[in-house]
N, C-alpha and C. Protein backbone atom coordinates (compact mmCIF):
# COMPACT_ATOMS: atom_id res chain seq x y z
N MET A 1 0.81 -1.21 0.00
CA MET A 1 0.00 0.00 0.00
C MET A 1 0.86 1.27 0.00
N GLU A 2 2.08 1.17 0.49
CA GLU A 2 2.92 2.36 0.59
C GLU A 2 3.11 3.07 -0.74
N PRO A 3 3.34 2.37 -1.86
CA PRO A 3 3.50 3.09 -3.12
C PRO A 3 2.26 3.86 -3.55
N ARG A 4 1.11 3.48 -3.02
CA ARG A 4 -0.14 4.16 -3.40
C ARG A 4 -0.46 5.38 -2.54
N VAL A 5 0.35 5.65 -1.55
CA VAL A 5 0.09 6.78 -0.67
C VAL A 5 0.40 8.08 -1.41
N ASP A 6 -0.58 8.96 -1.40
CA ASP A 6 -0.39 10.28 -1.99
C ASP A 6 0.24 11.16 -0.90
N VAL A 7 1.53 11.43 -1.04
CA VAL A 7 2.24 12.18 -0.01
C VAL A 7 1.78 13.63 0.11
N TYR A 8 0.96 14.06 -0.81
CA TYR A 8 0.43 15.43 -0.77
C TYR A 8 -0.97 15.48 -0.17
N SER A 9 -1.48 14.31 0.22
CA SER A 9 -2.83 14.25 0.80
C SER A 9 -2.74 13.76 2.24
N GLN A 10 -3.14 14.61 3.16
CA GLN A 10 -3.10 14.23 4.58
C GLN A 10 -4.03 13.05 4.85
N HIS A 11 -5.16 13.00 4.16
CA HIS A 11 -6.10 11.89 4.33
C HIS A 11 -5.45 10.57 3.90
N SER A 12 -4.74 10.59 2.80
CA SER A 12 -4.05 9.39 2.32
C SER A 12 -2.98 8.95 3.31
N ILE A 13 -2.23 9.87 3.85
CA ILE A 13 -1.19 9.57 4.83
C ILE A 13 -1.81 9.02 6.11
N ASP A 14 -2.88 9.66 6.57
CA ASP A 14 -3.55 9.20 7.79
C ASP A 14 -4.14 7.80 7.61
N SER A 15 -4.69 7.53 6.44
CA SER A 15 -5.25 6.20 6.17
C SER A 15 -4.15 5.14 6.19
N PHE A 16 -3.03 5.46 5.59
CA PHE A 16 -1.91 4.53 5.59
C PHE A 16 -1.39 4.29 7.00
N ASN A 17 -1.26 5.35 7.78
CA ASN A 17 -0.80 5.21 9.16
C ASN A 17 -1.78 4.40 10.00
N ALA A 18 -3.08 4.54 9.72
CA ALA A 18 -4.08 3.73 10.43
C ALA A 18 -3.90 2.25 10.09
N LEU A 19 -3.59 1.96 8.85
CA LEU A 19 -3.33 0.56 8.47
C LEU A 19 -2.10 0.01 9.20
N ILE A 20 -1.08 0.83 9.32
CA ILE A 20 0.13 0.41 10.03
C ILE A 20 -0.19 0.15 11.51
N ASP A 21 -0.98 1.04 12.11
CA ASP A 21 -1.36 0.86 13.52
C ASP A 21 -2.17 -0.43 13.70
N GLU A 22 -3.08 -0.71 12.78
CA GLU A 22 -3.89 -1.93 12.85
C GLU A 22 -3.00 -3.16 12.69
N HIS A 23 -2.05 -3.09 11.80
CA HIS A 23 -1.11 -4.19 11.60
C HIS A 23 -0.32 -4.46 12.88
N LYS A 24 0.17 -3.41 13.51
CA LYS A 24 0.91 -3.56 14.77
C LYS A 24 0.02 -4.17 15.85
N ARG A 25 -1.24 -3.74 15.92
CA ARG A 25 -2.17 -4.28 16.92
C ARG A 25 -2.38 -5.76 16.69
N LEU A 26 -2.56 -6.16 15.44
CA LEU A 26 -2.77 -7.58 15.12
C LEU A 26 -1.55 -8.41 15.46
N ILE A 27 -0.37 -7.88 15.21
CA ILE A 27 0.86 -8.60 15.54
C ILE A 27 0.97 -8.78 17.06
N GLU A 28 0.69 -7.74 17.81
CA GLU A 28 0.75 -7.83 19.27
C GLU A 28 -0.25 -8.85 19.80
N ALA A 29 -1.46 -8.87 19.25
CA ALA A 29 -2.47 -9.85 19.68
C ALA A 29 -2.02 -11.27 19.35
N TYR A 30 -1.45 -11.45 18.18
CA TYR A 30 -0.94 -12.77 17.78
C TYR A 30 0.18 -13.22 18.72
N ASN A 31 1.13 -12.33 18.96
CA ASN A 31 2.27 -12.68 19.82
C ASN A 31 1.84 -12.95 21.26
N ALA A 32 0.78 -12.29 21.72
CA ALA A 32 0.29 -12.53 23.08
C ALA A 32 -0.28 -13.94 23.22
N ARG A 33 -0.77 -14.50 22.14
CA ARG A 33 -1.35 -15.84 22.19
C ARG A 33 -0.30 -16.94 22.03
N LEU A 34 0.91 -16.62 21.64
CA LEU A 34 1.93 -17.63 21.38
C LEU A 34 2.41 -18.40 22.61
N PRO A 35 2.68 -17.77 23.75
CA PRO A 35 3.21 -18.54 24.88
C PRO A 35 2.32 -19.72 25.31
N PRO A 36 1.00 -19.54 25.45
CA PRO A 36 0.18 -20.71 25.82
C PRO A 36 0.19 -21.79 24.74
N VAL A 37 0.18 -21.38 23.49
CA VAL A 37 0.21 -22.36 22.40
C VAL A 37 1.54 -23.10 22.41
N ASN A 38 2.63 -22.38 22.57
CA ASN A 38 3.95 -23.02 22.62
C ASN A 38 4.07 -23.95 23.81
N ALA A 39 3.45 -23.60 24.93
CA ALA A 39 3.47 -24.48 26.10
C ALA A 39 2.73 -25.78 25.80
N ARG A 40 1.59 -25.68 25.13
CA ARG A 40 0.84 -26.89 24.77
C ARG A 40 1.61 -27.74 23.78
N VAL A 41 2.27 -27.12 22.82
CA VAL A 41 3.09 -27.86 21.86
C VAL A 41 4.24 -28.56 22.58
N GLY A 42 4.86 -27.86 23.51
CA GLY A 42 5.95 -28.46 24.28
C GLY A 42 5.48 -29.66 25.09
N ALA A 43 4.30 -29.54 25.71
CA ALA A 43 3.75 -30.65 26.49
C ALA A 43 3.44 -31.83 25.58
N LEU A 44 2.87 -31.57 24.42
CA LEU A 44 2.57 -32.64 23.47
C LEU A 44 3.86 -33.31 23.00
N ASN A 45 4.87 -32.52 22.69
CA ASN A 45 6.15 -33.09 22.25
C ASN A 45 6.77 -33.97 23.33
N THR A 46 6.61 -33.59 24.60
CA THR A 46 7.11 -34.41 25.70
C THR A 46 6.42 -35.76 25.73
N VAL A 47 5.10 -35.76 25.56
CA VAL A 47 4.34 -37.02 25.54
C VAL A 47 4.74 -37.87 24.33
N VAL A 48 4.89 -37.24 23.18
CA VAL A 48 5.29 -37.96 21.97
C VAL A 48 6.68 -38.57 22.15
N ASP A 49 7.60 -37.80 22.70
CA ASP A 49 8.95 -38.31 22.93
C ASP A 49 8.95 -39.49 23.89
N ARG A 50 8.15 -39.39 24.94
CA ARG A 50 8.05 -40.48 25.91
C ARG A 50 7.47 -41.73 25.25
N PHE A 51 6.43 -41.55 24.47
CA PHE A 51 5.82 -42.67 23.75
C PHE A 51 6.82 -43.30 22.79
N ASN A 52 7.50 -42.48 22.02
CA ASN A 52 8.46 -42.99 21.05
C ASN A 52 9.60 -43.74 21.74
N ALA A 53 10.04 -43.26 22.88
CA ALA A 53 11.13 -43.93 23.61
C ALA A 53 10.66 -45.29 24.12
N ARG A 54 9.43 -45.37 24.57
CA ARG A 54 8.91 -46.64 25.10
C ARG A 54 8.60 -47.64 24.00
N CYS A 55 8.24 -47.17 22.83
CA CYS A 55 7.76 -48.06 21.77
C CYS A 55 8.77 -48.30 20.66
N ALA A 56 9.91 -47.65 20.73
CA ALA A 56 10.91 -47.82 19.68
C ALA A 56 11.38 -49.27 19.66
N GLU A 57 11.64 -49.75 18.47
CA GLU A 57 12.18 -51.09 18.28
C GLU A 57 11.21 -52.20 18.69
N ARG A 58 9.95 -51.90 18.85
CA ARG A 58 8.96 -52.93 19.17
C ARG A 58 8.20 -53.33 17.92
N ALA A 59 7.83 -54.57 17.89
CA ALA A 59 7.06 -55.07 16.76
C ALA A 59 5.63 -54.55 16.83
N TYR A 60 5.00 -54.45 15.67
CA TYR A 60 3.61 -54.02 15.60
C TYR A 60 2.95 -54.72 14.42
N TYR A 61 1.63 -54.77 14.47
CA TYR A 61 0.88 -55.35 13.36
C TYR A 61 0.71 -54.28 12.29
N GLU A 62 0.88 -54.68 11.04
CA GLU A 62 0.78 -53.72 9.94
C GLU A 62 -0.61 -53.09 9.87
N HIS A 63 -1.66 -53.85 10.15
CA HIS A 63 -3.01 -53.27 10.08
C HIS A 63 -3.21 -52.24 11.19
N ASP A 64 -2.54 -52.42 12.33
CA ASP A 64 -2.61 -51.39 13.38
C ASP A 64 -1.94 -50.10 12.92
N MET A 65 -0.79 -50.21 12.28
CA MET A 65 -0.10 -49.02 11.79
C MET A 65 -0.93 -48.33 10.69
N ALA A 66 -1.53 -49.12 9.83
CA ALA A 66 -2.38 -48.55 8.77
C ALA A 66 -3.56 -47.81 9.38
N ALA A 67 -4.12 -48.35 10.44
CA ALA A 67 -5.24 -47.70 11.12
C ALA A 67 -4.80 -46.37 11.74
N ILE A 68 -3.63 -46.37 12.35
CA ILE A 68 -3.11 -45.14 12.97
C ILE A 68 -2.85 -44.08 11.90
N LEU A 69 -2.19 -44.50 10.83
CA LEU A 69 -1.88 -43.55 9.77
C LEU A 69 -3.15 -43.09 9.05
N GLY A 70 -4.18 -43.90 9.07
CA GLY A 70 -5.45 -43.53 8.46
C GLY A 70 -6.33 -42.68 9.36
N GLY A 71 -5.86 -42.44 10.58
CA GLY A 71 -6.62 -41.56 11.50
C GLY A 71 -7.70 -42.28 12.26
N ARG A 72 -7.64 -43.59 12.32
CA ARG A 72 -8.66 -44.34 13.06
C ARG A 72 -8.20 -44.69 14.43
């Protein structure tokens, strides 16, 4: 949008600055939500790592793996 700003029009400049302010607000809101999401991802990764450590090198039935990979 910056190339479209008419530098001789205060309204055009103000509109562009309002877009920048809205963009900053959205970024701040997004970043505020990241810590809880990252904590949940970390907790999930811990469970996955524990599961993988316990189940590594164990035999499994192919139809069970197909069911897991198929989302069942």
